[in-house]
C-alpha atoms as a PDB file:
ATOM      1  CA  UNK A   1      57.204 -27.170  19.042  1.00  0.00           C
ATOM      2  CA  UNK A   2      57.337 -26.345  22.743  1.00  0.00           C
ATOM      3  CA  UNK A   3      58.561 -23.396  24.824  1.00  0.00           C
ATOM      4  CA  UNK A   4      60.041 -23.352  28.308  1.00  0.00           C
ATOM      5  CA  UNK A   5      60.843 -20.288  30.420  1.00  0.00           C
ATOM      6  CA  UNK A   6      62.583 -20.087  33.775  1.00  0.00           C
ATOM      7  CA  UNK A   7      60.145 -17.534  35.106  1.00  0.00           C
ATOM      8  CA  UNK A   8      57.319 -20.064  34.622  1.00  0.00           C
ATOM      9  CA  UNK A   9      58.965 -22.125  37.369  1.00  0.00           C
ATOM     10  CA  UNK A  10      59.618 -19.325  39.867  1.00  0.00           C
ATOM     11  CA  UNK A  11      63.107 -18.239  38.811  1.00  0.00           C
ATOM     12  CA  UNK A  12      63.998 -14.563  38.429  1.00  0.00           C
ATOM     13  CA  UNK A  13      65.541 -15.317  35.044  1.00  0.00           C
ATOM     14  CA  UNK A  14      64.602 -14.326  31.511  1.00  0.00           C
ATOM     15  CA  UNK A  15      65.847 -17.563  29.904  1.00  0.00           C
ATOM     16  CA  UNK A  16      63.465 -18.928  27.285  1.00  0.00           C
ATOM     17  CA  UNK A  17      63.849 -21.738  24.763  1.00  0.00           C
ATOM     18  CA  UNK A  18      61.686 -22.877  21.831  1.00  0.00           C
ATOM     19  CA  UNK A  19      62.079 -26.076  19.848  1.00  0.00           C
ATOM     20  CA  UNK A  20      61.318 -29.755  19.657  1.00  0.00           C
ATOM     21  CA  UNK A  21      61.025 -31.722  22.906  1.00  0.00           C
ATOM     22  CA  UNK A  22      64.538 -33.197  22.789  1.00  0.00           C
ATOM     23  CA  UNK A  23      66.330 -29.906  22.108  1.00  0.00           C
ATOM     24  CA  UNK A  24      64.307 -28.042  24.744  1.00  0.00           C
ATOM     25  CA  UNK A  25      64.985 -30.724  27.381  1.00  0.00           C
ATOM     26  CA  UNK A  26      68.722 -30.724  26.614  1.00  0.00           C
ATOM     27  CA  UNK A  27      68.982 -26.930  26.469  1.00  0.00           C
ATOM     28  CA  UNK A  28      66.997 -26.334  29.644  1.00  0.00           C
ATOM     29  CA  UNK A  29      68.911 -29.058  31.490  1.00  0.00           C
ATOM     30  CA  UNK A  30      72.208 -27.388  30.548  1.00  0.00           C
ATOM     31  CA  UNK A  31      70.905 -23.952  31.531  1.00  0.00           C
ATOM     32  CA  UNK A  32      69.626 -25.132  34.914  1.00  0.00           C
ATOM     33  CA  UNK A  33      72.934 -26.813  35.730  1.00  0.00           C
ATOM     34  CA  UNK A  34      75.173 -23.986  34.494  1.00  0.00           C
ATOM     35  CA  UNK A  35      73.160 -20.969  35.650  1.00  0.00           C
ATOM     36  CA  UNK A  36      71.178 -22.158  38.669  1.00  0.00           C
ATOM     37  CA  UNK A  37      73.283 -25.060  39.952  1.00  0.00           C
ATOM     38  CA  UNK A  38      70.342 -27.471  39.785  1.00  0.00           C
ATOM     39  CA  UNK A  39      70.895 -30.879  38.209  1.00  0.00           C
ATOM     40  CA  UNK A  40      67.551 -32.125  36.885  1.00  0.00           C
ATOM     41  CA  UNK A  41      67.412 -35.514  35.186  1.00  0.00           C
ATOM     42  CA  UNK A  42      66.395 -35.547  31.538  1.00  0.00           C
ATOM     43  CA  UNK A  43      63.418 -37.752  32.489  1.00  0.00           C
ATOM     44  CA  UNK A  44      62.125 -35.142  34.936  1.00  0.00           C
ATOM     45  CA  UNK A  45      62.520 -32.325  32.423  1.00  0.00           C
ATOM     46  CA  UNK A  46      60.915 -34.388  29.673  1.00  0.00           C
ATOM     47  CA  UNK A  47      57.824 -34.848  31.853  1.00  0.00           C
ATOM     48  CA  UNK A  48      57.774 -31.098  32.524  1.00  0.00           C
ATOM     49  CA  UNK A  49      58.032 -30.277  28.826  1.00  0.00           C
ATOM     50  CA  UNK A  50      55.432 -32.876  27.831  1.00  0.00           C
ATOM     51  CA  UNK A  51      52.903 -31.218  30.178  1.00  0.00           C
ATOM     52  CA  UNK A  52      53.183 -28.090  28.036  1.00  0.00           C
ATOM     53  CA  UNK A  53      52.095 -29.931  24.876  1.00  0.00           C
ATOM     54  CA  UNK A  54      48.460 -30.268  23.843  1.00  0.00           C
ATOM     55  CA  UNK A  55      46.992 -33.693  24.683  1.00  0.00           C
ATOM     56  CA  UNK A  56      46.616 -34.779  21.039  1.00  0.00           C
ATOM     57  CA  UNK A  57      50.341 -34.272  20.386  1.00  0.00           C
ATOM     58  CA  UNK A  58      51.282 -36.778  23.128  1.00  0.00           C
ATOM     59  CA  UNK A  59      49.898 -39.642  21.100  1.00  0.00           C
ATOM     60  CA  UNK A  60      52.069 -38.708  18.103  1.00  0.00           C
ATOM     61  CA  UNK A  61      55.396 -38.719  19.967  1.00  0.00           C
END
């Protein structure tokens, strides 16, 4: 399980999402496009989300 919050990346926004990597990437990508007008690739967001996971989890994905 991972969490992502807009305010962690400098946005004045209270959006927060918890879930598995795929659902968080998809949800955050949709939010960024719809609410902030920024179109991040899923690869970029996946790297961002993966940085939030503990190192030992990376080997299990």
